Amino acid sequence: MSLKDELIRKAETQLEAWEKQADSLKAKAKAKEAEAENEKASADIQQSASDALRSVENKISDGRKKLDELKQSGEDNIDSLRKQLSDLVGPDDKR
């Protein structure tokens, strides 16, 4: 498997994890909101969940952009994209 293929696989795996995290945050927010006894508590919970969700969704967006760049890149650009991807999803342990 080429370095490019490994980086694509790693980026896709990370995106899937972030999407699952976003789904989990949405579910937790709904559950906590249902438990909230007053509007203030509900608004605070919703804002906190919204902020966390926005952060994960930004990571997903950034990750998708980097993945698209990686898929369209030639092998000569891999080192640059590898660094950018490593900053986003963590270091590449294999190389």
N, C-alpha and C. Protein backbone atom coordinates (compact mmCIF):
# COMPACT_ATOMS: atom_id res chain seq x y z
N MET A 1 0.86 -1.17 0.00
CA MET A 1 0.00 0.00 0.00
C MET A 1 0.91 1.23 0.00
N SER A 2 0.63 2.16 -0.88
CA SER A 2 1.46 3.35 -0.99
C SER A 2 1.19 4.29 0.18
N LEU A 3 2.09 5.22 0.38
CA LEU A 3 1.93 6.21 1.43
C LEU A 3 0.64 6.99 1.21
N LYS A 4 0.36 7.34 -0.04
CA LYS A 4 -0.86 8.08 -0.36
C LYS A 4 -2.09 7.28 0.07
N ASP A 5 -2.11 5.99 -0.26
CA ASP A 5 -3.23 5.13 0.12
C ASP A 5 -3.38 5.04 1.63
N GLU A 6 -2.25 4.93 2.33
CA GLU A 6 -2.29 4.87 3.79
C GLU A 6 -2.84 6.16 4.37
N LEU A 7 -2.42 7.29 3.84
CA LEU A 7 -2.89 8.58 4.34
C LEU A 7 -4.38 8.76 4.05
N ILE A 8 -4.83 8.33 2.87
CA ILE A 8 -6.25 8.39 2.54
C ILE A 8 -7.05 7.54 3.51
N ARG A 9 -6.60 6.33 3.77
CA ARG A 9 -7.28 5.43 4.69
C ARG A 9 -7.35 6.05 6.08
N LYS A 10 -6.23 6.62 6.52
CA LYS A 10 -6.18 7.23 7.85
C LYS A 10 -7.14 8.42 7.94
N ALA A 11 -7.19 9.26 6.91
CA ALA A 11 -8.08 10.41 6.90
C ALA A 11 -9.54 9.96 6.89
N GLU A 12 -9.85 8.95 6.08
CA GLU A 12 -11.23 8.46 6.03
C GLU A 12 -11.65 7.86 7.37
N THR A 13 -10.75 7.14 8.01
CA THR A 13 -11.04 6.57 9.33
C THR A 13 -11.30 7.67 10.35
N GLN A 14 -10.48 8.72 10.33
CA GLN A 14 -10.64 9.82 11.27
C GLN A 14 -11.96 10.54 11.03
N LEU A 15 -12.30 10.76 9.76
CA LEU A 15 -13.57 11.41 9.43
C LEU A 15 -14.76 10.60 9.94
N GLU A 16 -14.69 9.29 9.79
CA GLU A 16 -15.76 8.43 10.29
C GLU A 16 -15.88 8.55 11.81
N ALA A 17 -14.75 8.61 12.50
CA ALA A 17 -14.76 8.75 13.96
C ALA A 17 -15.38 10.08 14.35
N TRP A 18 -15.02 11.16 13.65
CA TRP A 18 -15.59 12.47 13.96
C TRP A 18 -17.09 12.50 13.68
N GLU A 19 -17.51 11.85 12.61
CA GLU A 19 -18.94 11.81 12.30
C GLU A 19 -19.71 11.04 13.38
N LYS A 20 -19.13 9.95 13.88
CA LYS A 20 -19.75 9.20 14.97
C LYS A 20 -19.79 10.07 16.23
N GLN A 21 -18.72 10.83 16.47
CA GLN A 21 -18.68 11.72 17.62
C GLN A 21 -19.77 12.80 17.50
N ALA A 22 -19.94 13.34 16.31
CA ALA A 22 -20.98 14.35 16.08
C ALA A 22 -22.36 13.75 16.33
N ASP A 23 -22.59 12.54 15.85
CA ASP A 23 -23.88 11.87 16.07
C ASP A 23 -24.12 11.64 17.56
N SER A 24 -23.07 11.23 18.26
CA SER A 24 -23.18 11.00 19.69
C SER A 24 -23.49 12.29 20.44
N LEU A 25 -22.83 13.37 20.04
CA LEU A 25 -23.10 14.67 20.68
C LEU A 25 -24.54 15.12 20.43
N LYS A 26 -25.02 14.89 19.23
CA LYS A 26 -26.41 15.24 18.93
C LYS A 26 -27.37 14.45 19.81
N ALA A 27 -27.11 13.16 19.96
CA ALA A 27 -27.99 12.31 20.77
C ALA A 27 -27.94 12.72 22.24
N LYS A 28 -26.74 13.02 22.73
CA LYS A 28 -26.60 13.46 24.12
C LYS A 28 -27.31 14.78 24.35
N ALA A 29 -27.21 15.68 23.41
CA ALA A 29 -27.87 16.98 23.54
C ALA A 29 -29.38 16.80 23.60
N LYS A 30 -29.90 15.95 22.77
CA LYS A 30 -31.35 15.71 22.78
C LYS A 30 -31.79 15.09 24.11
N ALA A 31 -31.00 14.14 24.61
CA ALA A 31 -31.35 13.49 25.87
C ALA A 31 -31.29 14.49 27.03
N LYS A 32 -30.24 15.29 27.07
CA LYS A 32 -30.11 16.27 28.15
C LYS A 32 -31.17 17.36 28.04
N GLU A 33 -31.49 17.74 26.85
CA GLU A 33 -32.52 18.76 26.67
C GLU A 33 -33.87 18.24 27.16
N ALA A 34 -34.14 16.98 26.90
CA ALA A 34 -35.40 16.39 27.35
C ALA A 34 -35.47 16.35 28.87
N GLU A 35 -34.30 16.22 29.51
CA GLU A 35 -34.25 16.17 30.97
C GLU A 35 -34.28 17.56 31.62
N ALA A 36 -33.99 18.55 30.88
CA ALA A 36 -33.91 19.90 31.45
C ALA A 36 -35.27 20.33 31.99
N GLU A 37 -35.27 20.92 33.18
CA GLU A 37 -36.53 21.30 33.80
C GLU A 37 -36.95 22.72 33.47
N ASN A 38 -36.04 23.55 33.04
CA ASN A 38 -36.45 24.92 32.72
C ASN A 38 -35.75 25.40 31.46
N GLU A 39 -36.21 26.48 30.91
CA GLU A 39 -35.68 26.99 29.64
C GLU A 39 -34.22 27.40 29.73
N LYS A 40 -33.80 27.96 30.85
CA LYS A 40 -32.40 28.40 31.01
C LYS A 40 -31.47 27.21 30.93
N ALA A 41 -31.78 26.16 31.67
CA ALA A 41 -30.94 24.96 31.65
C ALA A 41 -30.92 24.37 30.24
N SER A 42 -32.06 24.35 29.60
CA SER A 42 -32.15 23.81 28.25
C SER A 42 -31.30 24.63 27.27
N ALA A 43 -31.38 25.95 27.40
CA ALA A 43 -30.61 26.82 26.51
C ALA A 43 -29.11 26.63 26.73
N ASP A 44 -28.68 26.52 27.99
CA ASP A 44 -27.27 26.30 28.30
C ASP A 44 -26.77 24.97 27.74
N ILE A 45 -27.58 23.95 27.92
CA ILE A 45 -27.22 22.62 27.41
C ILE A 45 -27.14 22.65 25.89
N GLN A 46 -28.12 23.27 25.28
CA GLN A 46 -28.14 23.34 23.83
C GLN A 46 -26.94 24.11 23.30
N GLN A 47 -26.58 25.22 23.96
CA GLN A 47 -25.43 26.02 23.51
C GLN A 47 -24.14 25.22 23.65
N SER A 48 -23.97 24.53 24.76
CA SER A 48 -22.77 23.72 24.97
C SER A 48 -22.67 22.62 23.92
N ALA A 49 -23.77 21.93 23.67
CA ALA A 49 -23.78 20.87 22.66
C ALA A 49 -23.55 21.45 21.28
N SER A 50 -24.14 22.60 21.02
CA SER A 50 -23.98 23.26 19.73
C SER A 50 -22.52 23.64 19.48
N ASP A 51 -21.87 24.16 20.52
CA ASP A 51 -20.46 24.53 20.40
C ASP A 51 -19.59 23.30 20.13
N ALA A 52 -19.84 22.22 20.87
CA ALA A 52 -19.08 20.99 20.67
C ALA A 52 -19.33 20.42 19.29
N LEU A 53 -20.58 20.44 18.86
CA LEU A 53 -20.92 19.92 17.54
C LEU A 53 -20.27 20.76 16.44
N ARG A 54 -20.30 22.08 16.59
CA ARG A 54 -19.69 22.96 15.60
C ARG A 54 -18.18 22.66 15.47
N SER A 55 -17.54 22.41 16.60
CA SER A 55 -16.12 22.09 16.58
C SER A 55 -15.85 20.80 15.81
N VAL A 56 -16.64 19.77 16.07
CA VAL A 56 -16.47 18.50 15.37
C VAL A 56 -16.80 18.65 13.89
N GLU A 57 -17.85 19.40 13.58
CA GLU A 57 -18.23 19.60 12.18
C GLU A 57 -17.14 20.38 11.42
N ASN A 58 -16.47 21.32 12.09
CA ASN A 58 -15.35 22.03 11.47
C ASN A 58 -14.21 21.07 11.18
N LYS A 59 -13.95 20.15 12.11
CA LYS A 59 -12.90 19.15 11.89
C LYS A 59 -13.26 18.27 10.69
N ILE A 60 -14.53 17.89 10.62
CA ILE A 60 -14.98 17.07 9.49
C ILE A 60 -14.78 17.82 8.18
N SER A 61 -15.16 19.08 8.15
CA SER A 61 -15.01 19.89 6.94
C SER A 61 -13.54 20.01 6.54
N ASP A 62 -12.69 20.34 7.51
CA ASP A 62 -11.26 20.43 7.24
C ASP A 62 -10.70 19.10 6.76
N GLY A 63 -11.14 18.03 7.42
CA GLY A 63 -10.67 16.70 7.04
C GLY A 63 -11.08 16.32 5.63
N ARG A 64 -12.30 16.64 5.26
CA ARG A 64 -12.77 16.34 3.90
C ARG A 64 -11.96 17.12 2.86
N LYS A 65 -11.65 18.39 3.15
CA LYS A 65 -10.85 19.19 2.23
C LYS A 65 -9.47 18.57 2.04
N LYS A 66 -8.84 18.20 3.16
CA LYS A 66 -7.50 17.59 3.09
C LYS A 66 -7.56 16.25 2.36
N LEU A 67 -8.60 15.47 2.61
CA LEU A 67 -8.75 14.19 1.93
C LEU A 67 -8.91 14.40 0.43
N ASP A 68 -9.71 15.38 0.03
CA ASP A 68 -9.87 15.68 -1.40
C ASP A 68 -8.54 16.11 -2.01
N GLU A 69 -7.80 16.96 -1.30
CA GLU A 69 -6.48 17.39 -1.79
C GLU A 69 -5.56 16.19 -1.95
N LEU A 70 -5.59 15.29 -0.96
CA LEU A 70 -4.74 14.12 -0.99
C LEU A 70 -5.09 13.21 -2.16
N LYS A 71 -6.38 13.00 -2.38
CA LYS A 71 -6.82 12.14 -3.47
C LYS A 71 -6.43 12.72 -4.83
N GLN A 72 -6.38 14.06 -4.94
CA GLN A 72 -6.08 14.69 -6.21
C GLN A 72 -4.59 14.97 -6.40
N SER A 73 -3.81 14.77 -5.37
CA SER A 73 -2.40 15.12 -5.44
C SER A 73 -1.58 14.04 -6.14
N GLY A 74 -0.45 14.48 -6.61
CA GLY A 74 0.51 13.55 -7.15
C GLY A 74 1.43 13.09 -6.02
N GLU A 75 2.20 12.06 -6.28
CA GLU A 75 3.12 11.54 -5.27
C GLU A 75 4.14 12.59 -4.83
N ASP A 76 4.46 13.59 -5.68
CA ASP A 76 5.46 14.60 -5.33
C ASP A 76 4.96 15.57 -4.26
N ASN A 77 3.66 15.65 -4.04
CA ASN A 77 3.10 16.55 -3.02
C ASN A 77 2.76 15.82 -1.72
N ILE A 78 3.03 14.54 -1.65
CA ILE A 78 2.62 13.73 -0.50
C ILE A 78 3.24 14.23 0.79
N ASP A 79 4.52 14.59 0.79
CA ASP A 79 5.16 15.01 2.04
C ASP A 79 4.49 16.24 2.63
N SER A 80 4.15 17.20 1.79
CA SER A 80 3.47 18.41 2.27
C SER A 80 2.09 18.07 2.82
N LEU A 81 1.34 17.26 2.09
CA LEU A 81 0.01 16.88 2.55
C LEU A 81 0.09 15.98 3.78
N ARG A 82 1.13 15.17 3.86
CA ARG A 82 1.33 14.31 5.02
C ARG A 82 1.45 15.15 6.29
N LYS A 83 2.21 16.23 6.22
CA LYS A 83 2.38 17.13 7.36
C LYS A 83 1.05 17.77 7.73
N GLN A 84 0.32 18.26 6.74
CA GLN A 84 -0.97 18.90 6.99
C GLN A 84 -1.96 17.90 7.59
N LEU A 85 -1.97 16.70 7.05
CA LEU A 85 -2.88 15.67 7.54
C LEU A 85 -2.49 15.24 8.95
N SER A 86 -1.20 15.15 9.21
CA SER A 86 -0.72 14.79 10.53
C SER A 86 -1.15 15.83 11.57
N ASP A 87 -1.13 17.11 11.18
CA ASP A 87 -1.59 18.16 12.09
C ASP A 87 -3.07 18.02 12.38
N LEU A 88 -3.83 17.47 11.43
CA LEU A 88 -5.28 17.34 11.56
C LEU A 88 -5.67 16.07 12.31
N VAL A 89 -5.10 14.93 11.94
CA VAL A 89 -5.56 13.65 12.49
C VAL A 89 -4.53 12.95 13.37
N GLY A 90 -3.35 13.48 13.47
CA GLY A 90 -2.32 12.85 14.29
C GLY A 90 -1.19 12.33 13.41
N PRO A 91 -0.07 12.02 14.04
CA PRO A 91 1.11 11.60 13.28
C PRO A 91 0.93 10.26 12.60
N ASP A 92 1.66 10.09 11.52
CA ASP A 92 1.69 8.84 10.78
C ASP A 92 2.78 7.97 11.41
N ASP A 93 2.40 6.90 12.09
CA ASP A 93 3.35 6.10 12.84
C ASP A 93 4.21 5.19 11.98
N LYS A 94 3.81 4.95 10.75
CA LYS A 94 4.49 3.96 9.92
C LYS A 94 5.72 4.50 9.20
N ARG A 95 5.84 5.84 9.06
CA ARG A 95 6.98 6.38 8.29
C ARG A 95 7.57 7.55 8.98
